[in-house]
Amino acid sequence: MELRLDGITVVTDGRSLVHELSLDVGSGQVVGLVGPNGSGKSTALRCVYRALRPSSGTVRAGDDDLFRLTARRGAQLVAAMTQDGSVDLDFTVEEVVALGRAPHLQGNQALSARERALCEGAMDRLDIRHLARRGVLTLSGGERQRVLLARALVQEPEILVLDEPTNHLDVRHQVQLLRHLRGAGPTVLVVLHDLNLAAAACDRIGVLREGRLVAGGTPGDVLTTELVQDVFGVEATVVTHPLTGDPQLLYALTPTPTPTLGKASR
């Protein structure tokens, strides 16, 4: 299902957090949003999973305005994993994952055999099956992150929204998670801070600065030395990954020496 942000603006306390943002995410595509802290990435995502209504503009899933749908229908179409996603009660991992089926059930309806298999499959994919009977409050941050993603996947959404999904994850699980995104099925809009992960995982990338889209396109088109310097204020060299062909950034971690003038001749 196609996701379209059509000129959305978000104004809070007289300040424009997102300004006339238009972005198309094609059906089945993985599109990443990158940008400095405070550039409006998470605010834009909140409009997609309906935690925040835009001051103007529309968010469409296919032909539907998301804000005109019922809560149940919206939850059937869009699943989200947010930065501040938390579980306050000490449910077990398998109970939390099963909550992803709530938009599809009536009342206290029990999970079907297919739905139980769906939950088990998601736990296998996210490497948390061995944690099924553990309470989520006993888990590490990375383990809990994978539980919340499994919950989103068993929701079987048409659109999956992820805000910094690799937070707290070790390298193996970062790579594993981003590999799943490409084969997950739903249309994916994801915020990532790591530009190299974004280049590896995303079909297209949108770059935000001060609430505005300043660049968009394939990773190869967008992630240039000039853009990284201009938007992020960082010197970087762009190289080609020898196995995948994706652009990868090598950052200059030490300041570039400033040339010194020689002593004037006497």
Protein backbone atom coordinates (compact mmCIF):
# COMPACT_ATOMS: atom_id res chain seq x y z
CA MET A 1 0.00 0.00 0.00
CA GLU A 2 1.30 3.44 -0.91
CA LEU A 3 1.87 5.98 1.85
CA ARG A 4 1.70 9.66 0.97
CA LEU A 5 2.47 12.70 3.09
CA ASP A 6 0.88 15.56 1.22
CA GLY A 7 2.14 18.96 2.33
CA ILE A 8 1.90 18.31 6.07
CA THR A 9 2.74 21.12 8.47
CA VAL A 10 2.92 20.79 12.25
CA VAL A 11 2.88 23.97 14.34
CA THR A 12 3.28 23.87 18.13
CA ASP A 13 3.42 26.97 20.35
CA GLY A 14 3.82 29.13 17.27
CA ARG A 15 6.83 27.13 16.03
CA SER A 16 6.75 25.11 12.82
CA LEU A 17 8.22 21.67 13.58
CA VAL A 18 7.43 20.29 10.12
CA HIS A 19 6.82 22.61 7.18
CA GLU A 20 4.89 21.54 4.05
CA LEU A 21 6.46 18.10 3.95
CA SER A 22 5.51 15.99 0.94
CA LEU A 23 6.82 12.46 0.66
CA ASP A 24 5.68 9.40 -1.30
CA VAL A 25 6.52 5.88 -0.10
CA GLY A 26 5.72 3.34 -2.79
CA SER A 27 3.99 0.09 -1.98
CA GLY A 28 6.50 -2.34 -0.45
CA GLN A 29 9.32 0.20 -0.41
CA VAL A 30 11.60 0.97 2.52
CA VAL A 31 12.07 4.73 2.80
CA GLY A 32 14.31 6.27 5.45
CA LEU A 33 14.16 9.70 7.03
CA VAL A 34 17.49 11.12 8.19
CA GLY A 35 18.56 14.49 9.52
CA PRO A 36 20.08 16.26 12.53
CA ASN A 37 18.43 16.14 15.94
CA GLY A 38 15.33 18.33 16.00
CA SER A 39 14.85 18.28 12.22
CA GLY A 40 11.27 16.97 12.44
CA LYS A 41 11.75 13.27 11.68
CA SER A 42 9.90 11.85 14.69
CA THR A 43 7.21 14.53 14.41
CA ALA A 44 6.52 13.46 10.82
CA LEU A 45 6.27 9.83 11.91
CA ARG A 46 3.82 10.72 14.69
CA CYS A 47 1.50 12.08 12.03
CA VAL A 48 1.62 8.75 10.18
CA TYR A 49 0.70 6.62 13.20
CA ARG A 50 -1.86 9.25 14.24
CA ALA A 51 -0.35 10.26 17.56
CA LEU A 52 -0.29 13.83 16.22
CA ARG A 53 -2.69 15.53 13.80
CA PRO A 54 -1.00 17.81 11.25
CA SER A 55 -1.91 21.49 11.44
CA SER A 56 -2.45 21.29 7.68
CA GLY A 57 -1.95 18.76 4.90
CA THR A 58 -3.01 15.13 4.73
CA VAL A 59 -1.54 11.68 5.33
CA ARG A 60 -2.90 9.04 2.98
CA ALA A 61 -2.72 5.26 3.01
CA GLY A 62 -3.68 4.31 -0.50
CA ASP A 63 -6.77 6.42 -1.24
CA ASP A 64 -7.72 6.86 2.44
CA ASP A 65 -7.07 9.89 4.60
CA LEU A 66 -5.71 8.19 7.72
CA PHE A 67 -7.36 10.70 10.03
CA ARG A 68 -10.81 9.86 8.65
CA LEU A 69 -10.51 6.16 9.54
CA THR A 70 -11.75 4.53 12.74
CA ALA A 71 -9.15 3.70 15.36
CA ARG A 72 -9.55 -0.03 14.63
CA ARG A 73 -9.18 0.37 10.88
CA GLY A 74 -6.20 2.69 11.31
CA ALA A 75 -4.50 0.13 13.57
CA GLN A 76 -5.13 -2.58 11.02
CA LEU A 77 -3.39 -0.53 8.34
CA VAL A 78 -0.51 1.07 10.29
CA ALA A 79 1.74 -0.40 12.98
CA ALA A 80 4.42 1.62 14.73
CA MET A 81 7.44 1.08 16.91
CA THR A 82 8.34 4.36 18.57
CA GLN A 83 11.41 5.65 20.40
CA ASP A 84 9.50 5.84 23.65
CA GLY A 85 7.69 2.53 23.20
CA SER A 86 7.39 0.86 26.57
CA VAL A 87 5.46 -1.79 28.43
CA ASP A 88 4.62 -0.72 31.97
CA LEU A 89 3.09 -4.01 33.13
CA ASP A 90 5.18 -7.13 33.45
CA PHE A 91 3.55 -9.15 30.70
CA THR A 92 5.49 -12.05 29.29
CA VAL A 93 7.16 -11.67 25.93
CA GLU A 94 4.63 -13.94 24.21
CA GLU A 95 1.76 -11.93 25.72
CA VAL A 96 3.21 -8.64 24.45
CA VAL A 97 3.76 -10.05 20.97
CA ALA A 98 0.18 -11.39 20.91
CA LEU A 99 -1.13 -7.87 21.63
CA GLY A 100 -0.30 -7.09 18.02
CA ARG A 101 -3.39 -9.07 17.03
CA ALA A 102 -5.73 -6.84 19.08
CA PRO A 103 -6.93 -4.70 16.11
CA HIS A 104 -8.12 -7.88 14.38
CA LEU A 105 -9.96 -9.44 17.34
CA GLN A 106 -13.32 -8.79 18.96
CA GLY A 107 -13.40 -8.45 22.74
CA ASN A 108 -11.66 -11.35 24.50
CA GLN A 109 -11.57 -13.49 21.39
CA ALA A 110 -8.81 -16.12 21.60
CA LEU A 111 -6.02 -16.34 19.06
CA SER A 112 -6.59 -18.79 16.25
CA ALA A 113 -4.06 -21.48 15.40
CA ARG A 114 -2.89 -19.30 12.49
CA GLU A 115 -2.39 -16.31 14.79
CA ARG A 116 -0.43 -18.34 17.33
CA ALA A 117 1.81 -19.56 14.51
CA LEU A 118 2.19 -15.96 13.33
CA CYS A 119 3.36 -14.88 16.80
CA GLU A 120 5.80 -17.78 17.05
CA GLY A 121 7.17 -17.02 13.60
CA ALA A 122 7.74 -13.36 14.50
CA MET A 123 9.57 -14.37 17.69
CA ASP A 124 11.75 -16.73 15.66
CA ARG A 125 12.58 -14.02 13.12
CA LEU A 126 13.55 -11.55 15.84
CA ASP A 127 15.51 -14.15 17.84
CA ILE A 128 13.32 -13.86 20.96
CA ARG A 129 11.58 -17.24 21.01
CA HIS A 130 13.77 -18.34 23.93
CA LEU A 131 12.46 -15.34 25.91
CA ALA A 132 8.77 -16.20 25.39
CA ARG A 133 8.00 -16.87 29.09
CA ARG A 134 10.18 -14.05 30.44
CA GLY A 135 8.60 -10.86 31.78
CA VAL A 136 9.39 -7.91 29.53
CA LEU A 137 10.49 -5.80 32.50
CA THR A 138 13.38 -8.22 33.06
CA LEU A 139 14.76 -7.76 29.54
CA SER A 140 17.60 -5.60 28.31
CA GLY A 141 16.81 -2.57 26.15
CA GLY A 142 17.80 -4.41 22.98
CA GLU A 143 15.72 -7.46 23.82
CA ARG A 144 12.70 -5.30 24.57
CA GLN A 145 13.21 -3.47 21.27
CA ARG A 146 12.98 -6.74 19.38
CA VAL A 147 9.84 -7.74 21.31
CA LEU A 148 8.11 -4.50 20.31
CA LEU A 149 9.08 -4.99 16.67
CA ALA A 150 7.69 -8.54 16.76
CA ARG A 151 4.44 -7.13 18.15
CA ALA A 152 4.28 -4.66 15.24
CA LEU A 153 4.93 -7.40 12.68
CA VAL A 154 2.17 -9.72 13.95
CA GLN A 155 -0.23 -6.80 13.53
CA GLU A 156 0.17 -7.58 9.79
CA PRO A 157 0.04 -3.90 8.84
CA GLU A 158 0.04 -2.55 5.33
CA ILE A 159 2.36 0.22 6.56
CA LEU A 160 5.09 -0.14 9.17
CA VAL A 161 6.50 2.96 10.89
CA LEU A 162 9.74 2.65 12.85
CA ASP A 163 11.46 5.38 14.85
CA GLU A 164 15.10 4.51 15.51
CA PRO A 165 14.50 0.73 15.57
CA THR A 166 18.21 -0.08 15.95
CA ASN A 167 18.54 1.75 19.29
CA HIS A 168 20.03 -0.54 21.98
CA LEU A 169 20.72 -3.34 19.47
CA ASP A 170 24.11 -4.98 19.05
CA VAL A 171 25.63 -5.14 15.57
CA ARG A 172 24.29 -8.62 14.77
CA HIS A 173 20.73 -7.70 15.64
CA GLN A 174 20.98 -4.35 13.81
CA VAL A 175 21.92 -6.15 10.61
CA GLN A 176 19.31 -8.84 11.21
CA LEU A 177 16.55 -6.31 11.82
CA LEU A 178 17.34 -4.23 8.74
CA ARG A 179 17.51 -7.39 6.65
CA HIS A 180 13.98 -8.22 7.82
CA LEU A 181 12.71 -4.82 6.71
CA ARG A 182 13.48 -5.57 3.08
CA GLY A 183 11.55 -8.83 3.16
CA ALA A 184 8.85 -7.93 5.67
CA GLY A 185 6.18 -7.15 3.07
CA PRO A 186 4.66 -3.88 4.37
CA THR A 187 5.51 -0.43 3.13
CA VAL A 188 8.12 0.89 5.60
CA LEU A 189 8.91 4.42 6.74
CA VAL A 190 11.86 4.40 9.12
CA VAL A 191 13.89 7.04 10.96
CA LEU A 192 17.58 6.20 11.27
CA HIS A 193 20.48 8.23 12.62
CA ASP A 194 23.17 5.94 11.20
CA LEU A 195 23.59 7.02 7.57
CA ASN A 196 25.44 3.84 6.63
CA LEU A 197 22.61 1.68 7.95
CA ALA A 198 20.14 3.87 6.06
CA ALA A 199 22.14 3.40 2.86
CA ALA A 200 22.15 -0.37 3.30
CA ALA A 201 18.49 -0.79 4.28
CA CYS A 202 16.52 1.82 2.34
CA ASP A 203 15.32 2.01 -1.25
CA ARG A 204 15.11 5.78 -0.93
CA ILE A 205 16.13 8.37 1.65
CA GLY A 206 14.60 11.72 2.56
CA VAL A 207 16.77 14.29 4.34
CA LEU A 208 15.11 16.73 6.74
CA ARG A 209 16.54 19.95 8.11
CA GLU A 210 14.56 22.35 10.28
CA GLY A 211 11.31 20.60 9.36
CA ARG A 212 11.82 20.79 5.61
CA LEU A 213 12.71 18.12 3.07
CA VAL A 214 16.02 19.25 1.56
CA ALA A 215 16.91 16.15 -0.46
CA GLY A 216 15.31 12.90 -1.56
CA GLY A 217 16.22 9.98 -3.78
CA THR A 218 18.24 6.79 -3.79
CA PRO A 219 21.04 6.47 -1.21
CA GLY A 220 23.58 6.95 -3.99
CA ASP A 221 21.93 10.16 -5.13
CA VAL A 222 21.42 11.62 -1.65
CA LEU A 223 24.43 10.63 0.46
CA THR A 224 27.12 12.83 -1.01
CA THR A 225 30.10 14.47 0.63
CA GLU A 226 28.57 17.89 -0.02
CA LEU A 227 25.18 17.05 1.52
CA VAL A 228 26.68 15.47 4.64
CA GLN A 229 28.85 18.54 5.17
CA ASP A 230 25.99 20.95 4.51
CA VAL A 231 23.26 19.24 6.57
CA PHE A 232 25.23 17.49 9.32
CA GLY A 233 28.35 19.66 9.46
CA VAL A 234 30.62 16.62 9.17
CA GLU A 235 33.44 15.86 6.76
CA ALA A 236 33.00 12.47 5.13
CA THR A 237 34.32 10.50 2.20
CA VAL A 238 31.83 8.39 0.27
CA VAL A 239 33.05 4.95 -0.81
CA THR A 240 31.32 1.97 -2.41
CA HIS A 241 30.70 -1.10 -0.27
CA PRO A 242 32.73 -3.91 -1.90
CA LEU A 243 29.99 -6.53 -1.46
CA THR A 244 26.69 -4.68 -1.87
CA GLY A 245 27.63 -1.63 -3.92
CA ASP A 246 25.86 0.63 -1.40
CA PRO A 247 27.41 4.02 -0.62
CA GLN A 248 29.17 4.10 2.74
CA LEU A 249 30.53 7.09 4.60
CA LEU A 250 33.98 7.32 6.16
CA TYR A 251 34.02 10.15 8.68
CA ALA A 252 36.96 12.38 9.49
CA LEU A 253 37.20 12.01 13.25
CA THR A 254 40.19 14.29 13.68
CA PRO A 255 40.14 17.98 12.74
CA THR A 256 41.72 18.86 9.45
CA PRO A 257 45.02 20.63 10.13
CA THR A 258 44.95 24.34 9.37
CA PRO A 259 47.82 25.38 7.12
CA THR A 260 50.25 27.76 8.80
CA LEU A 261 51.81 30.64 6.98
CA GLY A 262 55.58 30.68 6.78
CA LYS A 263 57.56 33.47 8.36
CA ALA A 264 57.80 36.52 6.19
CA SER A 265 61.18 36.82 4.53
CA ARG A 266 63.37 39.58 5.80
